[in-house]
Amino acid sequence: MKVIIPLAGKGTRLRPHTHLTPKPMLKVAGKPVISYLLDDLKSLGGIEQIIYITGHLKEKVEEYARREYDFPAVFVEQTVQNGTATAVELARPYVDQPVLIIFVDTIFDADLSLVQNTDADGIIWVKEVEDYQRFGVVVTDANGFMTKIVEKPSTPISKRANIGLYYIKNWKLLYEGISHVMKQPSNKGEYYLTDAFQYMIDHGAKIKVVDVEGWYDAGKLDTLLDTNRAMLERGRAKRPATVPKGSKIIDPVYIEEGVTLTDATVGPNVSLHAGAVIERSTIRDTIVGSGSQISDSTLSGSLIGDEVVLEGVKGQVTIGDQSEVRAGGS
């Protein structure tokens, strides 16, 4: 089996952090989002090659993937951002067997071992949601096979959202479908992979729909912080053996070695990376990058980059690497 991981996007909803850090490498609970996925693939086994479709800050993605993981890999640049079908099309020269296609805006709890014994032409994983109007939702027949995907429906035709995780056993029909889609007029300048899946179904393919237990969005600030909280609650929490006198920790938190706390209250749902210094401050529901210094501040719902200096700041802030904000005393 091969794996296609499209990650060429610029991560505009997470600026300014994605000006310097690729969106899949932003950390939640001390771990880059992409690592949750790659660790799952390591556990699954049987991966012959990963095809990364890169773009924005592609050198950083490639350096990290090669340094931290020993999967056979190839990196293909998507120079024009015109859709998910185009991204998967770029992997065509390397695909000669069934494929997993995984978009890395999210972290999921999915049983990937299903790919090892399915008789279906493919599997699409979904998660039932209440705000179905925000998503592409999957409609199934009585046997649990997909009949269609409806983008952002106005009526609850289905509440099972497409989460961007697919296994395609019939890879030849997939690429036939992508070729068909790319010969059609684009949809507002984009070509969608889901239209290729519809082509497969219209030509007799059986794509099984499977619900995931958990689906955690890491594509924008508020949901990234929600995902940080979820990962802390699900076993990623880490706290120092001793809490410095005058400071308080409210679980769950993730605090790396080398963090300095002085008269600080930290938590719940806070991640502090190595070298961070927190002085006379209260922080909750926040991620703080490596080497950042926060003093005389009260923060919640914030995303702080690496080597940031904050003094006298109150409220919710998002601030990129190597920035300074000095707002006076507390």
C-alpha atoms as a PDB file:
ATOM      1  CA  MET A   1       0.000   0.000   0.000  1.00  0.00           C
ATOM      2  CA  LYS A   2       1.076   3.566  -0.711  1.00  0.00           C
ATOM      3  CA  VAL A   3       0.057   6.768   1.039  1.00  0.00           C
ATOM      4  CA  ILE A   4      -0.657  10.185  -0.458  1.00  0.00           C
ATOM      5  CA  ILE A   5      -0.449  13.134   1.946  1.00  0.00           C
ATOM      6  CA  PRO A   6      -1.462  16.469   0.373  1.00  0.00           C
ATOM      7  CA  LEU A   7      -0.110  19.381   2.438  1.00  0.00           C
ATOM      8  CA  ALA A   8       0.594  22.165  -0.001  1.00  0.00           C
ATOM      9  CA  GLY A   9      -1.766  24.726   1.526  1.00  0.00           C
ATOM     10  CA  LYS A  10      -0.571  28.001   3.028  1.00  0.00           C
ATOM     11  CA  GLY A  11      -2.610  27.707   6.230  1.00  0.00           C
ATOM     12  CA  THR A  12      -4.029  31.221   5.888  1.00  0.00           C
ATOM     13  CA  ARG A  13      -6.463  30.742   8.790  1.00  0.00           C
ATOM     14  CA  LEU A  14      -3.516  30.196  11.145  1.00  0.00           C
ATOM     15  CA  ARG A  15      -1.461  33.213  10.200  1.00  0.00           C
ATOM     16  CA  PRO A  16       0.872  34.667  11.421  1.00  0.00           C
ATOM     17  CA  HIS A  17       2.165  31.297  12.675  1.00  0.00           C
ATOM     18  CA  THR A  18       2.098  29.698   9.223  1.00  0.00           C
ATOM     19  CA  HIS A  19       4.249  32.429   7.723  1.00  0.00           C
ATOM     20  CA  LEU A  20       7.235  30.558   9.193  1.00  0.00           C
ATOM     21  CA  THR A  21       5.865  27.125  10.157  1.00  0.00           C
ATOM     22  CA  PRO A  22       3.978  24.785   7.811  1.00  0.00           C
ATOM     23  CA  LYS A  23       0.473  24.191   9.148  1.00  0.00           C
ATOM     24  CA  PRO A  24       0.997  20.400   9.600  1.00  0.00           C
ATOM     25  CA  MET A  25       4.010  21.128  11.823  1.00  0.00           C
ATOM     26  CA  LEU A  26       2.223  23.346  14.317  1.00  0.00           C
ATOM     27  CA  LYS A  27       2.190  21.570  17.667  1.00  0.00           C
ATOM     28  CA  VAL A  28      -0.711  20.411  19.788  1.00  0.00           C
ATOM     29  CA  ALA A  29       0.090  18.890  23.176  1.00  0.00           C
ATOM     30  CA  GLY A  30       3.781  19.158  22.315  1.00  0.00           C
ATOM     31  CA  LYS A  31       3.619  17.198  19.079  1.00  0.00           C
ATOM     32  CA  PRO A  32       3.354  18.368  15.438  1.00  0.00           C
ATOM     33  CA  VAL A  33      -0.049  17.645  13.939  1.00  0.00           C
ATOM     34  CA  ILE A  34       1.509  15.595  11.132  1.00  0.00           C
ATOM     35  CA  SER A  35       3.263  13.337  13.659  1.00  0.00           C
ATOM     36  CA  TYR A  36      -0.045  12.031  15.003  1.00  0.00           C
ATOM     37  CA  LEU A  37      -0.783  10.766  11.497  1.00  0.00           C
ATOM     38  CA  LEU A  38       2.699   9.399  10.763  1.00  0.00           C
ATOM     39  CA  ASP A  39       2.812   7.564  14.095  1.00  0.00           C
ATOM     40  CA  ASP A  40      -0.493   5.891  13.192  1.00  0.00           C
ATOM     41  CA  LEU A  41       0.991   4.808   9.864  1.00  0.00           C
ATOM     42  CA  LYS A  42       4.046   3.425  11.624  1.00  0.00           C
ATOM     43  CA  SER A  43       1.776   1.319  13.829  1.00  0.00           C
ATOM     44  CA  LEU A  44      -0.241   0.129  10.828  1.00  0.00           C
ATOM     45  CA  GLY A  45       2.767  -1.162   8.896  1.00  0.00           C
ATOM     46  CA  GLY A  46       2.813  -2.305   5.284  1.00  0.00           C
ATOM     47  CA  ILE A  47       3.530   1.169   3.905  1.00  0.00           C
ATOM     48  CA  GLU A  48       5.641   0.854   0.758  1.00  0.00           C
ATOM     49  CA  GLN A  49       5.983   4.573   0.077  1.00  0.00           C
ATOM     50  CA  ILE A  50       4.584   7.945   1.153  1.00  0.00           C
ATOM     51  CA  ILE A  51       4.002  10.557  -1.535  1.00  0.00           C
ATOM     52  CA  TYR A  52       3.974  14.014   0.042  1.00  0.00           C
ATOM     53  CA  ILE A  53       2.354  16.732  -2.066  1.00  0.00           C
ATOM     54  CA  THR A  54       4.115  19.842  -0.848  1.00  0.00           C
ATOM     55  CA  GLY A  55       3.976  23.557  -1.490  1.00  0.00           C
ATOM     56  CA  HIS A  56       4.216  26.274   1.149  1.00  0.00           C
ATOM     57  CA  LEU A  57       7.486  25.954   3.132  1.00  0.00           C
ATOM     58  CA  LYS A  58       8.115  22.614   1.432  1.00  0.00           C
ATOM     59  CA  GLU A  59      11.768  22.422   2.541  1.00  0.00           C
ATOM     60  CA  LYS A  60      10.752  22.408   6.216  1.00  0.00           C
ATOM     61  CA  VAL A  61       8.207  19.650   5.661  1.00  0.00           C
ATOM     62  CA  GLU A  62      10.691  17.485   3.787  1.00  0.00           C
ATOM     63  CA  GLU A  63      13.489  18.024   6.314  1.00  0.00           C
ATOM     64  CA  TYR A  64      11.228  17.098   9.220  1.00  0.00           C
ATOM     65  CA  ALA A  65       9.710  14.016   7.571  1.00  0.00           C
ATOM     66  CA  ARG A  66      13.108  12.638   6.516  1.00  0.00           C
ATOM     67  CA  ARG A  67      14.705  13.352   9.890  1.00  0.00           C
ATOM     68  CA  GLU A  68      11.973  11.951  12.120  1.00  0.00           C
ATOM     69  CA  TYR A  69      10.615   9.025  10.037  1.00  0.00           C
ATOM     70  CA  ASP A  70      12.173   6.302   7.956  1.00  0.00           C
ATOM     71  CA  PHE A  71       9.324   5.721   5.509  1.00  0.00           C
ATOM     72  CA  PRO A  72      10.402   5.498   1.869  1.00  0.00           C
ATOM     73  CA  ALA A  73       9.204   8.862   0.606  1.00  0.00           C
ATOM     74  CA  VAL A  74       8.974  11.129  -2.390  1.00  0.00           C
ATOM     75  CA  PHE A  75       8.118  14.842  -2.335  1.00  0.00           C
ATOM     76  CA  VAL A  76       6.183  16.413  -5.201  1.00  0.00           C
ATOM     77  CA  GLU A  77       5.521  20.139  -5.326  1.00  0.00           C
ATOM     78  CA  GLN A  78       2.048  21.461  -6.132  1.00  0.00           C
ATOM     79  CA  THR A  79       2.838  24.831  -7.674  1.00  0.00           C
ATOM     80  CA  VAL A  80      -0.780  25.761  -8.440  1.00  0.00           C
ATOM     81  CA  GLN A  81      -3.333  25.489  -5.633  1.00  0.00           C
ATOM     82  CA  ASN A  82      -6.371  24.478  -7.648  1.00  0.00           C
ATOM     83  CA  GLY A  83      -7.932  21.625  -5.777  1.00  0.00           C
ATOM     84  CA  THR A  84      -7.657  18.289  -4.057  1.00  0.00           C
ATOM     85  CA  ALA A  85      -8.047  16.302  -7.282  1.00  0.00           C
ATOM     86  CA  THR A  86      -5.016  18.113  -8.715  1.00  0.00           C
ATOM     87  CA  ALA A  87      -2.987  17.278  -5.620  1.00  0.00           C
ATOM     88  CA  VAL A  88      -3.722  13.567  -5.881  1.00  0.00           C
ATOM     89  CA  GLU A  89      -3.158  13.649  -9.646  1.00  0.00           C
ATOM     90  CA  LEU A  90       0.433  14.761  -8.997  1.00  0.00           C
ATOM     91  CA  ALA A  91       1.040  11.448  -7.216  1.00  0.00           C
ATOM     92  CA  ARG A  92      -0.079   9.390 -10.232  1.00  0.00           C
ATOM     93  CA  PRO A  93       3.459   8.468 -11.462  1.00  0.00           C
ATOM     94  CA  TYR A  94       4.131   6.735  -8.137  1.00  0.00           C
ATOM     95  CA  VAL A  95       0.815   4.932  -7.613  1.00  0.00           C
ATOM     96  CA  ASP A  96       0.749   1.310  -8.758  1.00  0.00           C
ATOM     97  CA  GLN A  97      -1.287  -0.249  -5.932  1.00  0.00           C
ATOM     98  CA  PRO A  98      -4.002   0.630  -3.395  1.00  0.00           C
ATOM     99  CA  VAL A  99      -3.555   3.962  -1.628  1.00  0.00           C
ATOM    100  CA  LEU A 100      -4.421   5.758   1.567  1.00  0.00           C
ATOM    101  CA  ILE A 101      -5.140   9.451   0.981  1.00  0.00           C
ATOM    102  CA  ILE A 102      -4.865  11.573   4.113  1.00  0.00           C
ATOM    103  CA  PHE A 103      -5.331  15.316   4.478  1.00  0.00           C
ATOM    104  CA  VAL A 104      -3.522  16.663   7.519  1.00  0.00           C
ATOM    105  CA  ASP A 105      -5.779  19.457   8.774  1.00  0.00           C
ATOM    106  CA  THR A 106      -7.095  17.075  11.402  1.00  0.00           C
ATOM    107  CA  ILE A 107      -6.208  14.403  13.931  1.00  0.00           C
ATOM    108  CA  PHE A 108      -8.491  11.381  13.976  1.00  0.00           C
ATOM    109  CA  ASP A 109      -9.226   8.196  15.877  1.00  0.00           C
ATOM    110  CA  ALA A 110      -9.742   5.702  13.066  1.00  0.00           C
ATOM    111  CA  ASP A 111      -9.189   1.976  12.715  1.00  0.00           C
ATOM    112  CA  LEU A 112      -6.830   1.981   9.742  1.00  0.00           C
ATOM    113  CA  SER A 113      -6.385  -1.791  10.002  1.00  0.00           C
ATOM    114  CA  LEU A 114      -9.697  -2.107   8.110  1.00  0.00           C
ATOM    115  CA  VAL A 115      -7.732  -1.571   4.907  1.00  0.00           C
ATOM    116  CA  GLN A 116      -6.038  -4.931   5.323  1.00  0.00           C
ATOM    117  CA  ASN A 117      -9.113  -7.074   4.727  1.00  0.00           C
ATOM    118  CA  THR A 118     -11.793  -5.002   3.012  1.00  0.00           C
ATOM    119  CA  ASP A 119     -13.498  -6.345  -0.099  1.00  0.00           C
ATOM    120  CA  ALA A 120     -14.786  -2.892  -1.046  1.00  0.00           C
ATOM    121  CA  ASP A 121     -13.275  -0.689  -3.756  1.00  0.00           C
ATOM    122  CA  GLY A 122     -12.530   1.844  -1.070  1.00  0.00           C
ATOM    123  CA  ILE A 123     -13.282   3.231   2.374  1.00  0.00           C
ATOM    124  CA  ILE A 124     -14.206   6.775   3.347  1.00  0.00           C
ATOM    125  CA  TRP A 125     -14.100   7.695   7.023  1.00  0.00           C
ATOM    126  CA  VAL A 126     -16.678  10.135   8.394  1.00  0.00           C
ATOM    127  CA  LYS A 127     -17.756  11.762  11.661  1.00  0.00           C
ATOM    128  CA  GLU A 128     -21.318  12.660  12.575  1.00  0.00           C
ATOM    129  CA  VAL A 129     -21.620  16.383  13.316  1.00  0.00           C
ATOM    130  CA  GLU A 130     -24.418  18.734  14.260  1.00  0.00           C
ATOM    131  CA  ASP A 131     -23.191  21.702  12.178  1.00  0.00           C
ATOM    132  CA  TYR A 132     -23.462  19.682   8.976  1.00  0.00           C
ATOM    133  CA  GLN A 133     -23.940  22.837   6.855  1.00  0.00           C
ATOM    134  CA  ARG A 134     -20.193  23.556   7.209  1.00  0.00           C
ATOM    135  CA  PHE A 135     -19.041  20.302   5.609  1.00  0.00           C
ATOM    136  CA  GLY A 136     -19.262  17.936   2.734  1.00  0.00           C
ATOM    137  CA  VAL A 137     -21.538  15.197   4.035  1.00  0.00           C
ATOM    138  CA  VAL A 138     -21.700  11.594   2.891  1.00  0.00           C
ATOM    139  CA  VAL A 139     -24.936   9.856   1.938  1.00  0.00           C
ATOM    140  CA  THR A 140     -25.096   6.051   2.105  1.00  0.00           C
ATOM    141  CA  ASP A 141     -27.354   3.254   0.901  1.00  0.00           C
ATOM    142  CA  ALA A 142     -28.910   0.613   3.132  1.00  0.00           C
ATOM    143  CA  ASN A 143     -25.711  -1.455   3.026  1.00  0.00           C
ATOM    144  CA  GLY A 144     -23.447   1.345   4.243  1.00  0.00           C
ATOM    145  CA  PHE A 145     -21.903   2.219   0.885  1.00  0.00           C
ATOM    146  CA  MET A 146     -21.540   5.799  -0.280  1.00  0.00           C
ATOM    147  CA  THR A 147     -24.009   7.037  -2.862  1.00  0.00           C
ATOM    148  CA  LYS A 148     -22.936  10.684  -2.964  1.00  0.00           C
ATOM    149  CA  ILE A 149     -21.212  13.567  -1.195  1.00  0.00           C
ATOM    150  CA  VAL A 150     -23.166  16.799  -0.803  1.00  0.00           C
ATOM    151  CA  GLU A 151     -21.189  19.969  -0.097  1.00  0.00           C
ATOM    152  CA  LYS A 152     -22.581  22.156   2.705  1.00  0.00           C
ATOM    153  CA  PRO A 153     -26.205  20.976   2.514  1.00  0.00           C
ATOM    154  CA  SER A 154     -28.978  23.338   3.566  1.00  0.00           C
ATOM    155  CA  THR A 155     -31.117  20.445   4.784  1.00  0.00           C
ATOM    156  CA  PRO A 156     -29.934  17.484   6.922  1.00  0.00           C
ATOM    157  CA  ILE A 157     -29.655  14.997   4.087  1.00  0.00           C
ATOM    158  CA  SER A 158     -26.805  13.561   6.177  1.00  0.00           C
ATOM    159  CA  LYS A 159     -24.801  14.601   9.243  1.00  0.00           C
ATOM    160  CA  ARG A 160     -21.819  12.340   8.470  1.00  0.00           C
ATOM    161  CA  ALA A 161     -19.007  14.739   7.561  1.00  0.00           C
ATOM    162  CA  ASN A 162     -16.190  13.877   5.179  1.00  0.00           C
ATOM    163  CA  ILE A 163     -13.006  14.185   7.279  1.00  0.00           C
ATOM    164  CA  GLY A 164     -10.373  13.848   4.526  1.00  0.00           C
ATOM    165  CA  LEU A 165      -9.309  10.240   5.144  1.00  0.00           C
ATOM    166  CA  TYR A 166      -9.729   7.668   2.369  1.00  0.00           C
ATOM    167  CA  TYR A 167      -8.533   4.218   1.328  1.00  0.00           C
ATOM    168  CA  ILE A 168      -8.844   3.448  -2.369  1.00  0.00           C
ATOM    169  CA  LYS A 169      -8.322  -0.166  -3.362  1.00  0.00           C
ATOM    170  CA  ASN A 170      -9.438   0.385  -6.957  1.00  0.00           C
ATOM    171  CA  TRP A 171      -6.758   2.960  -7.679  1.00  0.00           C
ATOM    172  CA  LYS A 172      -7.052   2.634 -11.464  1.00  0.00           C
ATOM    173  CA  LEU A 173     -10.705   3.699 -11.386  1.00  0.00           C
ATOM    174  CA  LEU A 174      -9.788   6.553  -9.043  1.00  0.00           C
ATOM    175  CA  TYR A 175      -7.342   7.987 -11.549  1.00  0.00           C
ATOM    176  CA  GLU A 176      -9.814   7.459 -14.362  1.00  0.00           C
ATOM    177  CA  GLY A 177     -12.214   9.549 -12.285  1.00  0.00           C
ATOM    178  CA  ILE A 178      -9.623  12.263 -11.644  1.00  0.00           C
ATOM    179  CA  SER A 179      -8.905  12.481 -15.385  1.00  0.00           C
ATOM    180  CA  HIS A 180     -12.623  12.891 -16.000  1.00  0.00           C
ATOM    181  CA  VAL A 181     -12.958  15.617 -13.352  1.00  0.00           C
ATOM    182  CA  MET A 182     -10.042  17.611 -14.700  1.00  0.00           C
ATOM    183  CA  LYS A 183     -11.563  17.640 -18.184  1.00  0.00           C
ATOM    184  CA  GLN A 184     -14.689  19.336 -16.802  1.00  0.00           C
ATOM    185  CA  PRO A 185     -15.074  23.048 -16.057  1.00  0.00           C
ATOM    186  CA  SER A 186     -13.588  23.847 -12.662  1.00  0.00           C
ATOM    187  CA  ASN A 187     -15.766  24.614  -9.650  1.00  0.00           C
ATOM    188  CA  LYS A 188     -14.784  28.205  -8.783  1.00  0.00           C
ATOM    189  CA  GLY A 189     -11.265  27.474  -9.967  1.00  0.00           C
ATOM    190  CA  GLU A 190     -10.891  24.138  -8.174  1.00  0.00           C
ATOM    191  CA  TYR A 191     -11.072  20.440  -9.007  1.00  0.00           C
ATOM    192  CA  TYR A 192     -12.391  18.281  -6.190  1.00  0.00           C
ATOM    193  CA  LEU A 193     -11.321  14.759  -5.294  1.00  0.00           C
ATOM    194  CA  THR A 194     -14.844  14.046  -4.077  1.00  0.00           C
ATOM    195  CA  ASP A 195     -16.063  14.454  -7.668  1.00  0.00           C
ATOM    196  CA  ALA A 196     -13.671  11.661  -8.660  1.00  0.00           C
ATOM    197  CA  PHE A 197     -15.184   9.467  -5.938  1.00  0.00           C
ATOM    198  CA  GLN A 198     -18.628  10.228  -7.385  1.00  0.00           C
ATOM    199  CA  TYR A 199     -17.334   9.124 -10.781  1.00  0.00           C
ATOM    200  CA  MET A 200     -16.161   5.859  -9.227  1.00  0.00           C
ATOM    201  CA  ILE A 201     -19.571   5.227  -7.676  1.00  0.00           C
ATOM    202  CA  ASP A 202     -21.362   6.080 -10.933  1.00  0.00           C
ATOM    203  CA  HIS A 203     -19.181   3.447 -12.599  1.00  0.00           C
ATOM    204  CA  GLY A 204     -20.047   0.688 -10.165  1.00  0.00           C
ATOM    205  CA  ALA A 205     -17.509   1.115  -7.357  1.00  0.00           C
ATOM    206  CA  LYS A 206     -18.450   0.202  -3.788  1.00  0.00           C
ATOM    207  CA  ILE A 207     -16.976   2.647  -1.261  1.00  0.00           C
ATOM    208  CA  LYS A 208     -17.635   1.679   2.333  1.00  0.00           C
ATOM    209  CA  VAL A 209     -18.463   4.444   4.822  1.00  0.00           C
ATOM    210  CA  VAL A 210     -16.945   4.036   8.297  1.00  0.00           C
ATOM    211  CA  ASP A 211     -17.441   6.319  11.313  1.00  0.00           C
ATOM    212  CA  VAL A 212     -14.434   7.450  13.345  1.00  0.00           C
ATOM    213  CA  GLU A 213     -14.498   7.697  17.119  1.00  0.00           C
ATOM    214  CA  GLY A 214     -12.798  11.086  17.212  1.00  0.00           C
ATOM    215  CA  TRP A 215     -12.042  13.888  14.776  1.00  0.00           C
ATOM    216  CA  TYR A 216     -10.081  16.925  15.896  1.00  0.00           C
ATOM    217  CA  ASP A 217      -9.680  19.955  13.649  1.00  0.00           C
ATOM    218  CA  ALA A 218      -6.305  21.713  13.632  1.00  0.00           C
ATOM    219  CA  GLY A 219      -6.985  24.106  10.774  1.00  0.00           C
ATOM    220  CA  LYS A 220      -7.798  27.346  12.622  1.00  0.00           C
ATOM    221  CA  LEU A 221      -7.023  28.980  15.951  1.00  0.00           C
ATOM    222  CA  ASP A 222     -10.048  28.078  18.057  1.00  0.00           C
ATOM    223  CA  THR A 223     -10.213  24.483  16.895  1.00  0.00           C
ATOM    224  CA  LEU A 224      -6.427  24.068  17.224  1.00  0.00           C
ATOM    225  CA  LEU A 225      -6.735  25.007  20.885  1.00  0.00           C
ATOM    226  CA  ASP A 226      -9.731  22.664  21.272  1.00  0.00           C
ATOM    227  CA  THR A 227      -7.606  19.894  19.780  1.00  0.00           C
ATOM    228  CA  ASN A 228      -4.776  20.714  22.171  1.00  0.00           C
ATOM    229  CA  ARG A 229      -7.225  20.241  25.042  1.00  0.00           C
ATOM    230  CA  ALA A 230      -8.524  16.975  23.589  1.00  0.00           C
ATOM    231  CA  MET A 231      -5.027  15.535  23.183  1.00  0.00           C
ATOM    232  CA  LEU A 232      -4.125  16.508  26.751  1.00  0.00           C
ATOM    233  CA  GLU A 233      -7.243  14.745  27.992  1.00  0.00           C
ATOM    234  CA  ARG A 234      -6.426  11.678  25.897  1.00  0.00           C
ATOM    235  CA  GLY A 235      -3.027  10.934  27.367  1.00  0.00           C
ATOM    236  CA  ARG A 236      -0.616  13.582  26.118  1.00  0.00           C
ATOM    237  CA  ALA A 237      -0.542  15.497  29.407  1.00  0.00           C
ATOM    238  CA  LYS A 238       2.828  16.019  31.084  1.00  0.00           C
ATOM    239  CA  ARG A 239       3.672  18.000  34.191  1.00  0.00           C
ATOM    240  CA  PRO A 240       6.907  18.595  36.128  1.00  0.00           C
ATOM    241  CA  ALA A 241       7.716  16.327  39.065  1.00  0.00           C
ATOM    242  CA  THR A 242       7.705  19.327  41.382  1.00  0.00           C
ATOM    243  CA  VAL A 243       5.890  22.640  41.133  1.00  0.00           C
ATOM    244  CA  PRO A 244       7.969  25.682  42.112  1.00  0.00           C
ATOM    245  CA  LYS A 245       6.896  27.395  45.313  1.00  0.00           C
ATOM    246  CA  GLY A 246       4.479  30.219  44.554  1.00  0.00           C
ATOM    247  CA  SER A 247       3.241  28.635  41.315  1.00  0.00           C
ATOM    248  CA  LYS A 248       0.185  26.504  40.596  1.00  0.00           C
ATOM    249  CA  ILE A 249      -0.619  23.977  37.889  1.00  0.00           C
ATOM    250  CA  ILE A 250      -4.211  23.111  36.978  1.00  0.00           C
ATOM    251  CA  ASP A 251      -4.428  19.860  34.983  1.00  0.00           C
ATOM    252  CA  PRO A 252      -4.379  18.928  32.212  1.00  0.00           C
ATOM    253  CA  VAL A 253      -1.189  20.544  30.949  1.00  0.00           C
ATOM    254  CA  TYR A 254       1.822  19.654  28.811  1.00  0.00           C
ATOM    255  CA  ILE A 255       4.999  21.205  30.236  1.00  0.00           C
ATOM    256  CA  GLU A 256       8.349  20.260  28.716  1.00  0.00           C
ATOM    257  CA  GLU A 257      11.676  20.045  30.501  1.00  0.00           C
ATOM    258  CA  GLY A 258      13.431  23.388  30.824  1.00  0.00           C
ATOM    259  CA  VAL A 259      10.308  25.472  31.448  1.00  0.00           C
ATOM    260  CA  THR A 260      10.655  28.065  34.230  1.00  0.00           C
ATOM    261  CA  LEU A 261       7.639  29.028  36.363  1.00  0.00           C
ATOM    262  CA  THR A 262       7.806  31.914  38.830  1.00  0.00           C
ATOM    263  CA  ASP A 263       4.647  32.961  40.694  1.00  0.00           C
ATOM    264  CA  ALA A 264       2.617  31.567  37.807  1.00  0.00           C
ATOM    265  CA  THR A 265      -0.727  29.819  37.471  1.00  0.00           C
ATOM    266  CA  VAL A 266      -0.766  27.510  34.464  1.00  0.00           C
ATOM    267  CA  GLY A 267      -3.741  25.523  33.165  1.00  0.00           C
ATOM    268  CA  PRO A 268      -6.005  23.981  32.421  1.00  0.00           C
ATOM    269  CA  ASN A 269      -5.356  23.081  28.775  1.00  0.00           C
ATOM    270  CA  VAL A 270      -1.956  24.693  28.421  1.00  0.00           C
ATOM    271  CA  SER A 271       1.096  23.487  26.495  1.00  0.00           C
ATOM    272  CA  LEU A 272       4.483  25.041  27.325  1.00  0.00           C
ATOM    273  CA  HIS A 273       7.500  24.140  25.213  1.00  0.00           C
ATOM    274  CA  ALA A 274      11.159  23.925  26.202  1.00  0.00           C
ATOM    275  CA  GLY A 275      12.770  27.103  27.425  1.00  0.00           C
ATOM    276  CA  ALA A 276       9.530  28.977  28.053  1.00  0.00           C
ATOM    277  CA  VAL A 277       9.600  31.352  31.028  1.00  0.00           C
ATOM    278  CA  ILE A 278       6.339  32.295  32.761  1.00  0.00           C
ATOM    279  CA  GLU A 279       6.557  34.950  35.485  1.00  0.00           C
ATOM    280  CA  ARG A 280       3.785  36.499  37.594  1.00  0.00           C
ATOM    281  CA  SER A 281       1.226  35.391  35.028  1.00  0.00           C
ATOM    282  CA  THR A 282      -1.945  33.339  34.681  1.00  0.00           C
ATOM    283  CA  ILE A 283      -2.349  31.260  31.540  1.00  0.00           C
ATOM    284  CA  ARG A 284      -5.138  28.895  30.463  1.00  0.00           C
ATOM    285  CA  ASP A 285      -6.307  27.310  27.174  1.00  0.00           C
ATOM    286  CA  THR A 286      -3.088  28.428  25.480  1.00  0.00           C
ATOM    287  CA  ILE A 287      -0.073  27.063  23.578  1.00  0.00           C
ATOM    288  CA  VAL A 288       3.291  28.724  24.192  1.00  0.00           C
ATOM    289  CA  GLY A 289       6.265  28.049  21.921  1.00  0.00           C
ATOM    290  CA  SER A 290       9.891  27.333  22.792  1.00  0.00           C
ATOM    291  CA  GLY A 291      11.966  30.027  24.446  1.00  0.00           C
ATOM    292  CA  SER A 292       9.081  32.455  24.898  1.00  0.00           C
ATOM    293  CA  GLN A 293       8.986  34.768  27.913  1.00  0.00           C
ATOM    294  CA  ILE A 294       5.689  35.851  29.422  1.00  0.00           C
ATOM    295  CA  SER A 295       5.530  38.163  32.422  1.00  0.00           C
ATOM    296  CA  ASP A 296       2.823  40.087  34.277  1.00  0.00           C
ATOM    297  CA  SER A 297       0.184  38.765  31.870  1.00  0.00           C
ATOM    298  CA  THR A 298      -3.187  37.048  31.937  1.00  0.00           C
ATOM    299  CA  LEU A 299      -3.840  34.946  28.837  1.00  0.00           C
ATOM    300  CA  SER A 300      -6.570  32.611  27.628  1.00  0.00           C
ATOM    301  CA  GLY A 301      -7.393  31.165  24.221  1.00  0.00           C
ATOM    302  CA  SER A 302      -4.001  32.235  22.891  1.00  0.00           C
ATOM    303  CA  LEU A 303      -1.389  30.846  20.495  1.00  0.00           C
ATOM    304  CA  ILE A 304       2.135  32.123  21.166  1.00  0.00           C
ATOM    305  CA  GLY A 305       5.018  31.327  18.819  1.00  0.00           C
ATOM    306  CA  ASP A 306       8.686  30.624  19.593  1.00  0.00           C
ATOM    307  CA  GLU A 307      10.984  33.218  21.205  1.00  0.00           C
ATOM    308  CA  VAL A 308       8.188  35.675  21.888  1.00  0.00           C
ATOM    309  CA  VAL A 309       8.335  38.307  24.629  1.00  0.00           C
ATOM    310  CA  LEU A 310       5.044  39.384  26.246  1.00  0.00           C
ATOM    311  CA  GLU A 311       4.848  41.826  29.128  1.00  0.00           C
ATOM    312  CA  GLY A 312       1.679  43.123  30.757  1.00  0.00           C
ATOM    313  CA  VAL A 313      -0.694  41.576  28.219  1.00  0.00           C
ATOM    314  CA  LYS A 314      -4.253  40.641  29.154  1.00  0.00           C
ATOM    315  CA  GLY A 315      -6.807  38.715  27.106  1.00  0.00           C
ATOM    316  CA  GLN A 316      -6.597  36.577  23.980  1.00  0.00           C
ATOM    317  CA  VAL A 317      -3.691  36.976  21.570  1.00  0.00           C
ATOM    318  CA  THR A 318      -2.124  35.168  18.645  1.00  0.00           C
ATOM    319  CA  ILE A 319       1.450  36.190  17.965  1.00  0.00           C
ATOM    320  CA  GLY A 320       4.101  34.716  15.690  1.00  0.00           C
ATOM    321  CA  ASP A 321       7.703  33.748  16.311  1.00  0.00           C
ATOM    322  CA  GLN A 322      10.308  36.247  17.535  1.00  0.00           C
ATOM    323  CA  SER A 323       7.807  39.002  18.281  1.00  0.00           C
ATOM    324  CA  GLU A 324       7.556  41.338  21.264  1.00  0.00           C
ATOM    325  CA  VAL A 325       4.591  43.006  22.943  1.00  0.00           C
ATOM    326  CA  ARG A 326       5.161  45.153  26.008  1.00  0.00           C
ATOM    327  CA  ALA A 327       1.935  46.610  27.336  1.00  0.00           C
ATOM    328  CA  GLY A 328       3.188  47.904  30.637  1.00  0.00           C
ATOM    329  CA  GLY A 329       2.616  46.554  34.132  1.00  0.00           C
ATOM    330  CA  SER A 330      -0.100  44.173  35.210  1.00  0.00           C
END
